[in-house]
C-alpha atoms as a PDB file:
ATOM      1  CA  MET A   1       2.787 -18.251  -2.366  1.00  0.00           C
ATOM      2  CA  THR A   2       2.640 -14.469  -2.485  1.00  0.00           C
ATOM      3  CA  LEU A   3       2.181 -12.342  -5.568  1.00  0.00           C
ATOM      4  CA  LEU A   4       5.830 -11.254  -5.507  1.00  0.00           C
ATOM      5  CA  ASN A   5       6.984 -14.872  -5.360  1.00  0.00           C
ATOM      6  CA  LEU A   6       4.785 -15.701  -8.336  1.00  0.00           C
ATOM      7  CA  ILE A   7       6.285 -12.909 -10.402  1.00  0.00           C
ATOM      8  CA  HIS A   8       9.830 -14.140  -9.783  1.00  0.00           C
ATOM      9  CA  CYS A   9       9.070 -17.814 -10.537  1.00  0.00           C
ATOM     10  CA  GLU A  10       8.085 -19.550 -13.694  1.00  0.00           C
ATOM     11  CA  VAL A  11       4.361 -20.045 -13.271  1.00  0.00           C
ATOM     12  CA  PRO A  12       1.474 -19.933 -15.683  1.00  0.00           C
ATOM     13  CA  SER A  13       0.179 -16.458 -16.437  1.00  0.00           C
ATOM     14  CA  SER A  14      -3.300 -17.618 -15.427  1.00  0.00           C
ATOM     15  CA  ARG A  15      -2.008 -18.266 -11.902  1.00  0.00           C
ATOM     16  CA  VAL A  16      -0.448 -14.798 -11.718  1.00  0.00           C
ATOM     17  CA  LEU A  17      -3.721 -13.295 -12.936  1.00  0.00           C
ATOM     18  CA  GLN A  18      -5.718 -15.296 -10.390  1.00  0.00           C
ATOM     19  CA  GLU A  19      -3.459 -14.222  -7.515  1.00  0.00           C
ATOM     20  CA  THR A  20      -3.573 -10.610  -8.698  1.00  0.00           C
ATOM     21  CA  CYS A  21      -7.378 -10.653  -8.781  1.00  0.00           C
ATOM     22  CA  THR A  22      -7.502 -12.195  -5.322  1.00  0.00           C
ATOM     23  CA  TYR A  23      -5.211  -9.479  -4.013  1.00  0.00           C
ATOM     24  CA  ILE A  24      -7.276  -6.720  -5.637  1.00  0.00           C
ATOM     25  CA  ARG A  25     -10.460  -8.163  -4.110  1.00  0.00           C
ATOM     26  CA  SER A  26      -8.836  -8.143  -0.669  1.00  0.00           C
ATOM     27  CA  LEU A  27      -7.823  -4.504  -1.170  1.00  0.00           C
ATOM     28  CA  HIS A  28     -11.415  -3.661  -2.120  1.00  0.00           C
ATOM     29  CA  ARG A  29     -12.650  -5.288   1.109  1.00  0.00           C
ATOM     30  CA  GLU A  30     -10.123  -3.279   3.129  1.00  0.00           C
ATOM     31  CA  VAL A  31     -11.187  -0.036   1.430  1.00  0.00           C
ATOM     32  CA  ASP A  32     -14.857  -0.841   2.089  1.00  0.00           C
ATOM     33  CA  ASP A  33     -14.117  -1.567   5.757  1.00  0.00           C
ATOM     34  CA  LEU A  34     -12.096   1.625   6.160  1.00  0.00           C
ATOM     35  CA  SER A  35     -14.798   3.640   4.429  1.00  0.00           C
ATOM     36  CA  GLU A  36     -17.406   2.288   6.819  1.00  0.00           C
ATOM     37  CA  ARG A  37     -15.217   3.016   9.836  1.00  0.00           C
ATOM     38  CA  LEU A  38     -14.557   6.570   8.632  1.00  0.00           C
ATOM     39  CA  SER A  39     -18.267   7.157   8.055  1.00  0.00           C
ATOM     40  CA  GLU A  40     -19.009   5.993  11.578  1.00  0.00           C
ATOM     41  CA  LEU A  41     -16.237   8.155  12.982  1.00  0.00           C
ATOM     42  CA  LEU A  42     -17.449  11.239  11.133  1.00  0.00           C
ATOM     43  CA  ALA A  43     -20.994  10.584  12.335  1.00  0.00           C
ATOM     44  CA  THR A  44     -20.083  10.456  16.019  1.00  0.00           C
ATOM     45  CA  SER A  45     -20.558  13.499  18.175  1.00  0.00           C
ATOM     46  CA  ASP A  46     -17.199  12.878  19.844  1.00  0.00           C
ATOM     47  CA  MET A  47     -15.334  14.376  16.929  1.00  0.00           C
ATOM     48  CA  SER A  48     -14.859  18.106  16.686  1.00  0.00           C
ATOM     49  CA  SER A  49     -15.612  19.897  13.444  1.00  0.00           C
ATOM     50  CA  ALA A  50     -11.883  20.658  13.079  1.00  0.00           C
ATOM     51  CA  GLN A  51     -11.036  16.948  13.302  1.00  0.00           C
ATOM     52  CA  ALA A  52     -13.764  16.115  10.790  1.00  0.00           C
ATOM     53  CA  ALA A  53     -12.444  18.791   8.420  1.00  0.00           C
ATOM     54  CA  ILE A  54      -8.930  17.325   8.633  1.00  0.00           C
ATOM     55  CA  ILE A  55     -10.198  13.844   7.815  1.00  0.00           C
ATOM     56  CA  ARG A  56     -12.284  15.138   4.907  1.00  0.00           C
ATOM     57  CA  SER A  57      -9.299  17.045   3.510  1.00  0.00           C
ATOM     58  CA  LEU A  58      -7.169  13.893   3.664  1.00  0.00           C
ATOM     59  CA  LEU A  59      -9.783  11.978   1.691  1.00  0.00           C
ATOM     60  CA  MET A  60      -9.911  14.497  -1.149  1.00  0.00           C
END
C-alpha cells in the first residue's frame, strides 16, 4: 500500500506515520547516492570546468 493510498483510507495514524518515515528514509538514501555520484563526477578529469560550474550552481 502506498502512502497516498494510506491517506485516503481509514487506517491507524501509527501506520501512516510508519509509512511516512519509511518513505523519508528511502529519500535520504537516494539523496546520499546522488550526492556520492555527483562527487565522483565532479572529481573526474573528464568534466570541463564549465560543466562543473553549472553543476555547482544547480546545487546551490
